[in-house]
Amino acid sequence: MATVHTIDAHSPASPSHRTRRFRNPEAATAWLLVLPSLIGLVVFYLVPTIRAIGISATDWNLMSAPRPVGLDNYRAMLADGKFWHALKLSAYYVLFNIPLQTVLGLLLASLMDRLIRAVSLRAILLLPYLLSNVLVALMWVWLLDPVLGWVNALLHALGLANHSFFGSPMEALATVAAVNIWRYMGMVSLLFLAGMQGIPRTLYEAASLDGASERQMFFRITLPLLRPVMVFVLVTSITGSFQIFDTVAVTTNGGPAESTRVIVYYIYENAFKFYKMGYASAMSMALLLIMIVYTAVQLRVLRAGESDLA
């Protein structure tokens, strides 16, 4: 006897339900608001990425017609010691930047959540983030100048020797990281603060009645419930740190002694200084793959789709 499957006209899977959902004025408004960003994503990210995949299989110097070379660029990349060195420097930059930036952001967010709630303070913390990277880099180049900079003038007043922050191969990368920590720390703290303010106050009140200290409440209530925000901050911060370019280009130009030639700067050099657009595109695709794998692993390990408040 044949079994007949029927679809309820009111079920979520029914065509009429889907039609009504897209005809809903609120849904139409939502799509209208998302449309500019979606167009920008397709035009400025998706299309160039697809184009770069094709270019990565060619030998192209931007002046003559591209010559197909298959996977030769990828083979050359795997054998290129400078590529691996640049990737290693990017990893070092992430290790310099992310832990301190995250800890300071958490500390500032905790202070604003528990002690200081002035809107003016939040505005001051956000101000460096609103400045362009180039402007911030130029400002710190001037402040850290070994001859005319205010920082070295302060060191001299304290009886210490002048210091070449961007000019030292041992310190240049850490100095670049410090500049970006200063710029992004306020934004990170406000993200954490938004997460903290979404935690029910009743949890802290119950813990306080049970005799829990501030430290215990932070590690047993605040941090676990901040996991979704922490995942967002770590994913965006680390992927952004691997793409650091403008600060390096303004302050050190990859030097001194190639100590700040991070992966994106090395890609830029190959594309626009050495005119190896195909090879630069191959390295860009490799970096994209690394970031996709890293993001997928981190979202899986940190259970980004779950909330402890549920």
C-alpha atoms as a PDB file:
ATOM      1  CA  MET A   1       0.000   0.000   0.000  1.00  0.00           C
ATOM      2  CA  ALA A   2       1.535   3.325  -1.035  1.00  0.00           C
ATOM      3  CA  THR A   3       2.186   5.971   1.588  1.00  0.00           C
ATOM      4  CA  VAL A   4       1.135   9.489   0.706  1.00  0.00           C
ATOM      5  CA  HIS A   5       3.130  12.333   2.274  1.00  0.00           C
ATOM      6  CA  THR A   6       1.287  15.606   2.701  1.00  0.00           C
ATOM      7  CA  ILE A   7       2.649  19.031   3.472  1.00  0.00           C
ATOM      8  CA  ASP A   8       0.772  21.186   5.886  1.00  0.00           C
ATOM      9  CA  ALA A   9       0.132  24.592   4.343  1.00  0.00           C
ATOM     10  CA  HIS A  10       0.951  26.185   7.689  1.00  0.00           C
ATOM     11  CA  SER A  11       4.197  24.263   8.315  1.00  0.00           C
ATOM     12  CA  PRO A  12       7.524  26.195   8.155  1.00  0.00           C
ATOM     13  CA  ALA A  13       8.645  24.034   5.209  1.00  0.00           C
ATOM     14  CA  SER A  14       5.609  24.789   3.035  1.00  0.00           C
ATOM     15  CA  PRO A  15       6.096  27.062  -0.040  1.00  0.00           C
ATOM     16  CA  SER A  16       3.265  29.338   1.067  1.00  0.00           C
ATOM     17  CA  HIS A  17       4.952  29.891   4.433  1.00  0.00           C
ATOM     18  CA  ARG A  18       8.261  30.747   2.758  1.00  0.00           C
ATOM     19  CA  THR A  19       6.474  33.099   0.364  1.00  0.00           C
ATOM     20  CA  ARG A  20       4.751  34.907   3.226  1.00  0.00           C
ATOM     21  CA  ARG A  21       8.049  35.121   5.087  1.00  0.00           C
ATOM     22  CA  PHE A  22       9.765  36.935   2.216  1.00  0.00           C
ATOM     23  CA  ARG A  23       6.721  39.164   1.696  1.00  0.00           C
ATOM     24  CA  ASN A  24       6.809  40.175   5.349  1.00  0.00           C
ATOM     25  CA  PRO A  25       7.550  43.931   5.540  1.00  0.00           C
ATOM     26  CA  GLU A  26      10.033  43.388   8.373  1.00  0.00           C
ATOM     27  CA  ALA A  27      11.930  40.756   6.364  1.00  0.00           C
ATOM     28  CA  ALA A  28      11.954  43.040   3.327  1.00  0.00           C
ATOM     29  CA  THR A  29      13.319  45.890   5.457  1.00  0.00           C
ATOM     30  CA  ALA A  30      15.991  43.604   6.882  1.00  0.00           C
ATOM     31  CA  TRP A  31      17.117  42.493   3.414  1.00  0.00           C
ATOM     32  CA  LEU A  32      17.131  46.127   2.270  1.00  0.00           C
ATOM     33  CA  LEU A  33      19.404  47.116   5.157  1.00  0.00           C
ATOM     34  CA  VAL A  34      21.739  44.167   4.557  1.00  0.00           C
ATOM     35  CA  LEU A  35      21.866  44.693   0.783  1.00  0.00           C
ATOM     36  CA  PRO A  36      24.583  47.443   0.710  1.00  0.00           C
ATOM     37  CA  SER A  37      26.926  45.343   2.841  1.00  0.00           C
ATOM     38  CA  LEU A  38      26.129  42.254   0.768  1.00  0.00           C
ATOM     39  CA  ILE A  39      26.912  44.122  -2.458  1.00  0.00           C
ATOM     40  CA  GLY A  40      30.166  45.393  -0.942  1.00  0.00           C
ATOM     41  CA  LEU A  41      31.082  41.874   0.170  1.00  0.00           C
ATOM     42  CA  VAL A  42      30.527  40.473  -3.315  1.00  0.00           C
ATOM     43  CA  VAL A  43      32.185  43.328  -5.228  1.00  0.00           C
ATOM     44  CA  PHE A  44      35.182  43.976  -2.979  1.00  0.00           C
ATOM     45  CA  TYR A  45      35.836  40.528  -1.466  1.00  0.00           C
ATOM     46  CA  LEU A  46      34.230  37.609  -3.310  1.00  0.00           C
ATOM     47  CA  VAL A  47      34.946  38.738  -6.884  1.00  0.00           C
ATOM     48  CA  PRO A  48      38.597  39.728  -6.163  1.00  0.00           C
ATOM     49  CA  THR A  49      39.111  36.401  -4.364  1.00  0.00           C
ATOM     50  CA  ILE A  50      37.857  34.424  -7.350  1.00  0.00           C
ATOM     51  CA  ARG A  51      40.007  36.578  -9.624  1.00  0.00           C
ATOM     52  CA  ALA A  52      43.056  36.021  -7.403  1.00  0.00           C
ATOM     53  CA  ILE A  53      42.596  32.244  -7.626  1.00  0.00           C
ATOM     54  CA  GLY A  54      42.926  32.511 -11.397  1.00  0.00           C
ATOM     55  CA  ILE A  55      45.876  34.900 -11.220  1.00  0.00           C
ATOM     56  CA  SER A  56      47.693  32.574  -8.813  1.00  0.00           C
ATOM     57  CA  ALA A  57      48.029  30.033 -11.636  1.00  0.00           C
ATOM     58  CA  THR A  58      49.765  32.540 -13.944  1.00  0.00           C
ATOM     59  CA  ASP A  59      53.032  34.398 -14.360  1.00  0.00           C
ATOM     60  CA  TRP A  60      51.956  38.037 -14.623  1.00  0.00           C
ATOM     61  CA  ASN A  61      54.048  41.182 -14.217  1.00  0.00           C
ATOM     62  CA  LEU A  62      51.110  43.631 -14.653  1.00  0.00           C
ATOM     63  CA  MET A  63      52.498  44.827 -18.003  1.00  0.00           C
ATOM     64  CA  SER A  64      52.364  41.819 -20.305  1.00  0.00           C
ATOM     65  CA  ALA A  65      49.616  39.253 -20.744  1.00  0.00           C
ATOM     66  CA  PRO A  66      49.388  36.596 -17.990  1.00  0.00           C
ATOM     67  CA  ARG A  67      51.119  33.312 -18.859  1.00  0.00           C
ATOM     68  CA  PRO A  68      49.568  30.140 -17.388  1.00  0.00           C
ATOM     69  CA  VAL A  69      51.979  28.206 -15.176  1.00  0.00           C
ATOM     70  CA  GLY A  70      49.649  25.815 -13.359  1.00  0.00           C
ATOM     71  CA  LEU A  71      50.785  25.098  -9.787  1.00  0.00           C
ATOM     72  CA  ASP A  72      54.333  26.401 -10.257  1.00  0.00           C
ATOM     73  CA  ASN A  73      53.701  29.418  -8.009  1.00  0.00           C
ATOM     74  CA  TYR A  74      52.531  27.162  -5.178  1.00  0.00           C
ATOM     75  CA  ARG A  75      55.563  24.900  -5.574  1.00  0.00           C
ATOM     76  CA  ALA A  76      57.846  27.950  -5.480  1.00  0.00           C
ATOM     77  CA  MET A  77      56.040  29.215  -2.383  1.00  0.00           C
ATOM     78  CA  LEU A  78      56.593  25.954  -0.495  1.00  0.00           C
ATOM     79  CA  ALA A  79      60.316  26.173  -1.283  1.00  0.00           C
ATOM     80  CA  ASP A  80      60.600  29.896  -0.474  1.00  0.00           C
ATOM     81  CA  GLY A  81      62.364  30.429   2.848  1.00  0.00           C
ATOM     82  CA  LYS A  82      61.336  34.097   2.913  1.00  0.00           C
ATOM     83  CA  PHE A  83      57.675  33.104   2.731  1.00  0.00           C
ATOM     84  CA  TRP A  84      57.990  30.853   5.770  1.00  0.00           C
ATOM     85  CA  HIS A  85      60.026  33.503   7.614  1.00  0.00           C
ATOM     86  CA  ALA A  86      57.325  36.110   6.915  1.00  0.00           C
ATOM     87  CA  LEU A  87      54.650  33.701   8.110  1.00  0.00           C
ATOM     88  CA  LYS A  88      56.666  33.041  11.266  1.00  0.00           C
ATOM     89  CA  LEU A  89      57.033  36.786  11.914  1.00  0.00           C
ATOM     90  CA  SER A  90      53.247  37.171  11.556  1.00  0.00           C
ATOM     91  CA  ALA A  91      52.783  34.421  14.147  1.00  0.00           C
ATOM     92  CA  TYR A  92      55.241  36.189  16.480  1.00  0.00           C
ATOM     93  CA  TYR A  93      53.313  39.425  15.980  1.00  0.00           C
ATOM     94  CA  VAL A  94      50.084  37.653  16.969  1.00  0.00           C
ATOM     95  CA  LEU A  95      51.793  36.304  20.112  1.00  0.00           C
ATOM     96  CA  PHE A  96      53.034  39.803  20.983  1.00  0.00           C
ATOM     97  CA  ASN A  97      49.709  41.447  20.264  1.00  0.00           C
ATOM     98  CA  ILE A  98      46.702  39.281  21.099  1.00  0.00           C
ATOM     99  CA  PRO A  99      47.352  38.038  24.680  1.00  0.00           C
ATOM    100  CA  LEU A 100      48.183  41.481  26.081  1.00  0.00           C
ATOM    101  CA  GLN A 101      45.430  43.197  24.097  1.00  0.00           C
ATOM    102  CA  THR A 102      42.846  40.682  25.319  1.00  0.00           C
ATOM    103  CA  VAL A 103      43.949  40.824  28.962  1.00  0.00           C
ATOM    104  CA  LEU A 104      44.026  44.626  29.016  1.00  0.00           C
ATOM    105  CA  GLY A 105      40.627  44.758  27.308  1.00  0.00           C
ATOM    106  CA  LEU A 106      39.169  42.415  29.927  1.00  0.00           C
ATOM    107  CA  LEU A 107      40.698  44.447  32.747  1.00  0.00           C
ATOM    108  CA  LEU A 108      39.347  47.743  31.426  1.00  0.00           C
ATOM    109  CA  ALA A 109      35.919  46.211  30.795  1.00  0.00           C
ATOM    110  CA  SER A 110      35.794  44.846  34.352  1.00  0.00           C
ATOM    111  CA  LEU A 111      36.730  48.220  35.806  1.00  0.00           C
ATOM    112  CA  MET A 112      34.074  49.998  33.739  1.00  0.00           C
ATOM    113  CA  ASP A 113      31.441  47.398  34.585  1.00  0.00           C
ATOM    114  CA  ARG A 114      32.054  47.301  38.337  1.00  0.00           C
ATOM    115  CA  LEU A 115      33.484  50.727  39.212  1.00  0.00           C
ATOM    116  CA  ILE A 116      33.418  53.414  36.529  1.00  0.00           C
ATOM    117  CA  ARG A 117      30.444  53.800  34.182  1.00  0.00           C
ATOM    118  CA  ALA A 118      31.116  57.232  32.722  1.00  0.00           C
ATOM    119  CA  VAL A 119      30.211  57.525  29.035  1.00  0.00           C
ATOM    120  CA  SER A 120      33.074  60.000  28.529  1.00  0.00           C
ATOM    121  CA  LEU A 121      35.595  57.321  29.530  1.00  0.00           C
ATOM    122  CA  ARG A 122      34.191  54.944  26.942  1.00  0.00           C
ATOM    123  CA  ALA A 123      34.456  57.643  24.298  1.00  0.00           C
ATOM    124  CA  ILE A 124      38.108  58.265  25.192  1.00  0.00           C
ATOM    125  CA  LEU A 125      38.879  54.543  25.005  1.00  0.00           C
ATOM    126  CA  LEU A 126      37.229  54.272  21.596  1.00  0.00           C
ATOM    127  CA  LEU A 127      38.965  57.345  20.149  1.00  0.00           C
ATOM    128  CA  PRO A 128      42.220  55.600  19.041  1.00  0.00           C
ATOM    129  CA  TYR A 129      40.168  52.996  17.165  1.00  0.00           C
ATOM    130  CA  LEU A 130      38.399  55.753  15.220  1.00  0.00           C
ATOM    131  CA  LEU A 131      41.722  57.106  13.942  1.00  0.00           C
ATOM    132  CA  SER A 132      43.211  55.647  10.769  1.00  0.00           C
ATOM    133  CA  ASN A 133      46.099  53.192  11.062  1.00  0.00           C
ATOM    134  CA  VAL A 134      48.321  55.468   8.994  1.00  0.00           C
ATOM    135  CA  LEU A 135      47.664  58.454  11.261  1.00  0.00           C
ATOM    136  CA  VAL A 136      48.309  56.378  14.393  1.00  0.00           C
ATOM    137  CA  ALA A 137      51.537  54.991  12.917  1.00  0.00           C
ATOM    138  CA  LEU A 138      52.807  58.455  11.961  1.00  0.00           C
ATOM    139  CA  MET A 139      51.990  59.771  15.430  1.00  0.00           C
ATOM    140  CA  TRP A 140      53.974  56.997  17.118  1.00  0.00           C
ATOM    141  CA  VAL A 141      56.888  57.358  14.686  1.00  0.00           C
ATOM    142  CA  TRP A 142      57.150  60.928  15.895  1.00  0.00           C
ATOM    143  CA  LEU A 143      56.659  60.100  19.587  1.00  0.00           C
ATOM    144  CA  LEU A 144      59.278  57.301  19.485  1.00  0.00           C
ATOM    145  CA  ASP A 145      61.814  59.155  17.351  1.00  0.00           C
ATOM    146  CA  PRO A 146      65.263  58.550  18.917  1.00  0.00           C
ATOM    147  CA  VAL A 147      66.235  62.242  18.624  1.00  0.00           C
ATOM    148  CA  LEU A 148      63.080  64.370  18.687  1.00  0.00           C
ATOM    149  CA  GLY A 149      60.486  62.039  20.201  1.00  0.00           C
ATOM    150  CA  TRP A 150      58.757  62.790  23.517  1.00  0.00           C
ATOM    151  CA  VAL A 151      59.282  59.243  24.779  1.00  0.00           C
ATOM    152  CA  ASN A 152      63.042  59.492  24.399  1.00  0.00           C
ATOM    153  CA  ALA A 153      62.982  62.980  25.905  1.00  0.00           C
ATOM    154  CA  LEU A 154      61.275  61.452  28.955  1.00  0.00           C
ATOM    155  CA  LEU A 155      63.856  58.654  29.099  1.00  0.00           C
ATOM    156  CA  HIS A 156      66.643  61.249  28.901  1.00  0.00           C
ATOM    157  CA  ALA A 157      65.036  63.243  31.728  1.00  0.00           C
ATOM    158  CA  LEU A 158      65.045  60.083  33.844  1.00  0.00           C
ATOM    159  CA  GLY A 159      68.740  59.614  33.198  1.00  0.00           C
ATOM    160  CA  LEU A 160      68.319  56.786  30.676  1.00  0.00           C
ATOM    161  CA  ALA A 161      69.875  56.489  27.237  1.00  0.00           C
ATOM    162  CA  ASN A 162      67.945  57.256  24.063  1.00  0.00           C
ATOM    163  CA  HIS A 163      66.251  54.241  22.536  1.00  0.00           C
ATOM    164  CA  SER A 164      65.604  53.359  18.889  1.00  0.00           C
ATOM    165  CA  PHE A 165      62.294  51.516  19.117  1.00  0.00           C
ATOM    166  CA  PHE A 166      61.516  51.056  15.419  1.00  0.00           C
ATOM    167  CA  GLY A 167      65.215  50.912  14.488  1.00  0.00           C
ATOM    168  CA  SER A 168      66.156  47.870  16.558  1.00  0.00           C
ATOM    169  CA  PRO A 169      65.804  44.433  14.891  1.00  0.00           C
ATOM    170  CA  MET A 170      65.108  42.913  18.322  1.00  0.00           C
ATOM    171  CA  GLU A 171      62.380  45.397  19.282  1.00  0.00           C
ATOM    172  CA  ALA A 172      60.784  46.674  16.077  1.00  0.00           C
ATOM    173  CA  LEU A 173      58.120  43.955  15.805  1.00  0.00           C
ATOM    174  CA  ALA A 174      57.190  44.257  19.488  1.00  0.00           C
ATOM    175  CA  THR A 175      56.962  48.049  19.067  1.00  0.00           C
ATOM    176  CA  VAL A 176      54.604  47.667  16.093  1.00  0.00           C
ATOM    177  CA  ALA A 177      52.506  45.302  18.230  1.00  0.00           C
ATOM    178  CA  ALA A 178      52.459  47.824  21.094  1.00  0.00           C
ATOM    179  CA  VAL A 179      51.192  50.562  18.758  1.00  0.00           C
ATOM    180  CA  ASN A 180      48.311  48.370  17.598  1.00  0.00           C
ATOM    181  CA  ILE A 181      47.528  47.250  21.150  1.00  0.00           C
ATOM    182  CA  TRP A 182      47.123  50.916  22.065  1.00  0.00           C
ATOM    183  CA  ARG A 183      44.817  51.433  19.079  1.00  0.00           C
ATOM    184  CA  TYR A 184      42.552  48.394  19.479  1.00  0.00           C
ATOM    185  CA  MET A 185      42.543  47.921  23.258  1.00  0.00           C
ATOM    186  CA  GLY A 186      39.640  50.327  23.821  1.00  0.00           C
ATOM    187  CA  MET A 187      37.476  48.676  21.180  1.00  0.00           C
ATOM    188  CA  VAL A 188      38.145  45.230  22.659  1.00  0.00           C
ATOM    189  CA  SER A 189      37.267  46.485  26.144  1.00  0.00           C
ATOM    190  CA  LEU A 190      33.932  47.878  24.915  1.00  0.00           C
ATOM    191  CA  LEU A 191      33.079  44.544  23.279  1.00  0.00           C
ATOM    192  CA  PHE A 192      33.789  42.759  26.559  1.00  0.00           C
ATOM    193  CA  LEU A 193      31.820  45.405  28.456  1.00  0.00           C
ATOM    194  CA  ALA A 194      28.785  44.812  26.230  1.00  0.00           C
ATOM    195  CA  GLY A 195      29.048  41.100  26.991  1.00  0.00           C
ATOM    196  CA  MET A 196      29.376  41.713  30.722  1.00  0.00           C
ATOM    197  CA  GLN A 197      26.314  43.932  30.803  1.00  0.00           C
ATOM    198  CA  GLY A 198      24.313  41.097  29.237  1.00  0.00           C
ATOM    199  CA  ILE A 199      25.046  38.810  32.204  1.00  0.00           C
ATOM    200  CA  PRO A 200      22.145  38.782  34.710  1.00  0.00           C
ATOM    201  CA  ARG A 201      23.029  40.665  37.900  1.00  0.00           C
ATOM    202  CA  THR A 202      21.142  38.067  39.905  1.00  0.00           C
ATOM    203  CA  LEU A 203      23.966  35.605  39.342  1.00  0.00           C
ATOM    204  CA  TYR A 204      26.433  37.934  41.066  1.00  0.00           C
ATOM    205  CA  GLU A 205      24.002  38.630  43.875  1.00  0.00           C
ATOM    206  CA  ALA A 206      23.493  34.915  44.510  1.00  0.00           C
ATOM    207  CA  ALA A 207      27.249  34.283  44.423  1.00  0.00           C
ATOM    208  CA  SER A 208      27.863  37.172  46.814  1.00  0.00           C
ATOM    209  CA  LEU A 209      25.322  35.762  49.259  1.00  0.00           C
ATOM    210  CA  ASP A 210      27.175  32.438  49.093  1.00  0.00           C
ATOM    211  CA  GLY A 211      30.382  34.236  50.114  1.00  0.00           C
ATOM    212  CA  ALA A 212      32.132  34.290  46.709  1.00  0.00           C
ATOM    213  CA  SER A 213      34.895  36.863  46.281  1.00  0.00           C
ATOM    214  CA  GLU A 214      35.236  39.234  43.326  1.00  0.00           C
ATOM    215  CA  ARG A 215      37.999  37.039  41.919  1.00  0.00           C
ATOM    216  CA  GLN A 216      35.866  33.888  42.176  1.00  0.00           C
ATOM    217  CA  MET A 217      32.897  35.612  40.527  1.00  0.00           C
ATOM    218  CA  PHE A 218      35.104  36.789  37.667  1.00  0.00           C
ATOM    219  CA  PHE A 219      36.580  33.366  36.903  1.00  0.00           C
ATOM    220  CA  ARG A 220      33.456  31.297  37.615  1.00  0.00           C
ATOM    221  CA  ILE A 221      30.707  33.566  36.290  1.00  0.00           C
ATOM    222  CA  THR A 222      32.041  36.366  34.089  1.00  0.00           C
ATOM    223  CA  LEU A 223      34.618  34.487  32.021  1.00  0.00           C
ATOM    224  CA  PRO A 224      32.457  31.424  31.242  1.00  0.00           C
ATOM    225  CA  LEU A 225      29.497  33.593  30.231  1.00  0.00           C
ATOM    226  CA  LEU A 226      31.732  35.811  28.098  1.00  0.00           C
ATOM    227  CA  ARG A 227      32.720  32.878  25.871  1.00  0.00           C
ATOM    228  CA  PRO A 228      30.697  33.968  22.777  1.00  0.00           C
ATOM    229  CA  VAL A 229      32.185  37.472  22.982  1.00  0.00           C
ATOM    230  CA  MET A 230      35.643  36.000  23.617  1.00  0.00           C
ATOM    231  CA  VAL A 231      35.340  33.848  20.494  1.00  0.00           C
ATOM    232  CA  PHE A 232      34.348  36.864  18.405  1.00  0.00           C
ATOM    233  CA  VAL A 233      37.203  38.978  19.783  1.00  0.00           C
ATOM    234  CA  LEU A 234      39.833  36.262  19.304  1.00  0.00           C
ATOM    235  CA  VAL A 235      38.738  35.313  15.783  1.00  0.00           C
ATOM    236  CA  THR A 236      38.554  38.892  14.507  1.00  0.00           C
ATOM    237  CA  SER A 237      41.707  40.022  16.354  1.00  0.00           C
ATOM    238  CA  ILE A 238      43.902  37.144  15.227  1.00  0.00           C
ATOM    239  CA  THR A 239      42.753  37.223  11.604  1.00  0.00           C
ATOM    240  CA  GLY A 240      43.246  40.993  11.625  1.00  0.00           C
ATOM    241  CA  SER A 241      46.711  40.642  13.153  1.00  0.00           C
ATOM    242  CA  PHE A 242      47.787  38.206  10.448  1.00  0.00           C
ATOM    243  CA  GLN A 243      46.793  40.887   7.928  1.00  0.00           C
ATOM    244  CA  ILE A 244      48.834  43.678   9.530  1.00  0.00           C
ATOM    245  CA  PHE A 245      50.301  45.877   6.802  1.00  0.00           C
ATOM    246  CA  ASP A 246      49.764  49.635   7.055  1.00  0.00           C
ATOM    247  CA  THR A 247      51.499  50.092  10.412  1.00  0.00           C
ATOM    248  CA  VAL A 248      54.531  48.156   9.150  1.00  0.00           C
ATOM    249  CA  ALA A 249      54.575  50.056   5.843  1.00  0.00           C
ATOM    250  CA  VAL A 250      54.548  53.439   7.599  1.00  0.00           C
ATOM    251  CA  THR A 251      56.911  52.724  10.491  1.00  0.00           C
ATOM    252  CA  THR A 252      59.549  50.225   9.336  1.00  0.00           C
ATOM    253  CA  ASN A 253      59.017  49.247   5.672  1.00  0.00           C
ATOM    254  CA  GLY A 254      59.658  45.653   6.685  1.00  0.00           C
ATOM    255  CA  GLY A 255      62.966  46.442   8.385  1.00  0.00           C
ATOM    256  CA  PRO A 256      65.294  46.751  10.040  1.00  0.00           C
ATOM    257  CA  ALA A 257      67.043  43.662   8.670  1.00  0.00           C
ATOM    258  CA  GLU A 258      63.651  42.254   7.566  1.00  0.00           C
ATOM    259  CA  SER A 259      62.630  41.899  11.220  1.00  0.00           C
ATOM    260  CA  THR A 260      59.104  43.200  10.486  1.00  0.00           C
ATOM    261  CA  ARG A 261      58.562  41.772   7.021  1.00  0.00           C
ATOM    262  CA  VAL A 262      55.303  40.046   7.922  1.00  0.00           C
ATOM    263  CA  ILE A 263      53.400  37.908   5.431  1.00  0.00           C
ATOM    264  CA  VAL A 264      51.076  40.595   4.022  1.00  0.00           C
ATOM    265  CA  TYR A 265      53.997  43.009   3.558  1.00  0.00           C
ATOM    266  CA  TYR A 266      55.926  40.263   1.745  1.00  0.00           C
ATOM    267  CA  ILE A 267      52.906  39.671  -0.494  1.00  0.00           C
ATOM    268  CA  TYR A 268      52.761  43.411  -1.216  1.00  0.00           C
ATOM    269  CA  GLU A 269      56.466  43.488  -2.118  1.00  0.00           C
ATOM    270  CA  ASN A 270      56.106  40.628  -4.575  1.00  0.00           C
ATOM    271  CA  ALA A 271      53.020  42.149  -6.176  1.00  0.00           C
ATOM    272  CA  PHE A 272      53.970  45.825  -6.481  1.00  0.00           C
ATOM    273  CA  LYS A 273      57.765  45.964  -6.099  1.00  0.00           C
ATOM    274  CA  PHE A 274      58.910  42.785  -7.829  1.00  0.00           C
ATOM    275  CA  TYR A 275      55.850  42.623 -10.148  1.00  0.00           C
ATOM    276  CA  LYS A 276      55.186  38.952  -9.422  1.00  0.00           C
ATOM    277  CA  MET A 277      51.426  39.218  -9.255  1.00  0.00           C
ATOM    278  CA  GLY A 278      50.846  35.513  -9.802  1.00  0.00           C
ATOM    279  CA  TYR A 279      53.203  34.525  -7.004  1.00  0.00           C
ATOM    280  CA  ALA A 280      51.714  37.150  -4.666  1.00  0.00           C
ATOM    281  CA  SER A 281      48.218  35.830  -5.405  1.00  0.00           C
ATOM    282  CA  ALA A 282      49.345  32.278  -4.609  1.00  0.00           C
ATOM    283  CA  MET A 283      50.634  33.426  -1.217  1.00  0.00           C
ATOM    284  CA  SER A 284      47.358  35.287  -0.623  1.00  0.00           C
ATOM    285  CA  MET A 285      45.418  32.088  -1.282  1.00  0.00           C
ATOM    286  CA  ALA A 286      47.673  30.201   1.129  1.00  0.00           C
ATOM    287  CA  LEU A 287      47.067  32.831   3.819  1.00  0.00           C
ATOM    288  CA  LEU A 288      43.308  32.671   3.164  1.00  0.00           C
ATOM    289  CA  LEU A 289      43.348  28.884   3.584  1.00  0.00           C
ATOM    290  CA  ILE A 290      45.306  29.177   6.842  1.00  0.00           C
ATOM    291  CA  MET A 291      42.809  31.698   8.215  1.00  0.00           C
ATOM    292  CA  ILE A 292      39.811  29.562   7.195  1.00  0.00           C
ATOM    293  CA  VAL A 293      41.259  26.481   8.888  1.00  0.00           C
ATOM    294  CA  TYR A 294      42.216  28.445  12.006  1.00  0.00           C
ATOM    295  CA  THR A 295      38.775  30.047  12.271  1.00  0.00           C
ATOM    296  CA  ALA A 296      36.958  26.741  11.803  1.00  0.00           C
ATOM    297  CA  VAL A 297      39.117  25.037  14.445  1.00  0.00           C
ATOM    298  CA  GLN A 298      38.698  27.851  16.951  1.00  0.00           C
ATOM    299  CA  LEU A 299      34.932  28.044  16.476  1.00  0.00           C
ATOM    300  CA  ARG A 300      34.755  24.287  16.971  1.00  0.00           C
ATOM    301  CA  VAL A 301      37.034  24.147  20.023  1.00  0.00           C
ATOM    302  CA  LEU A 302      35.456  27.120  21.790  1.00  0.00           C
ATOM    303  CA  ARG A 303      31.881  26.036  20.947  1.00  0.00           C
ATOM    304  CA  ALA A 304      30.999  29.382  19.401  1.00  0.00           C
ATOM    305  CA  GLY A 305      27.404  28.410  18.674  1.00  0.00           C
ATOM    306  CA  GLU A 306      26.569  27.594  22.304  1.00  0.00           C
ATOM    307  CA  SER A 307      25.795  29.856  25.257  1.00  0.00           C
ATOM    308  CA  ASP A 308      26.210  29.018  28.933  1.00  0.00           C
ATOM    309  CA  LEU A 309      23.236  31.260  29.695  1.00  0.00           C
ATOM    310  CA  ALA A 310      20.858  28.797  28.008  1.00  0.00           C
END
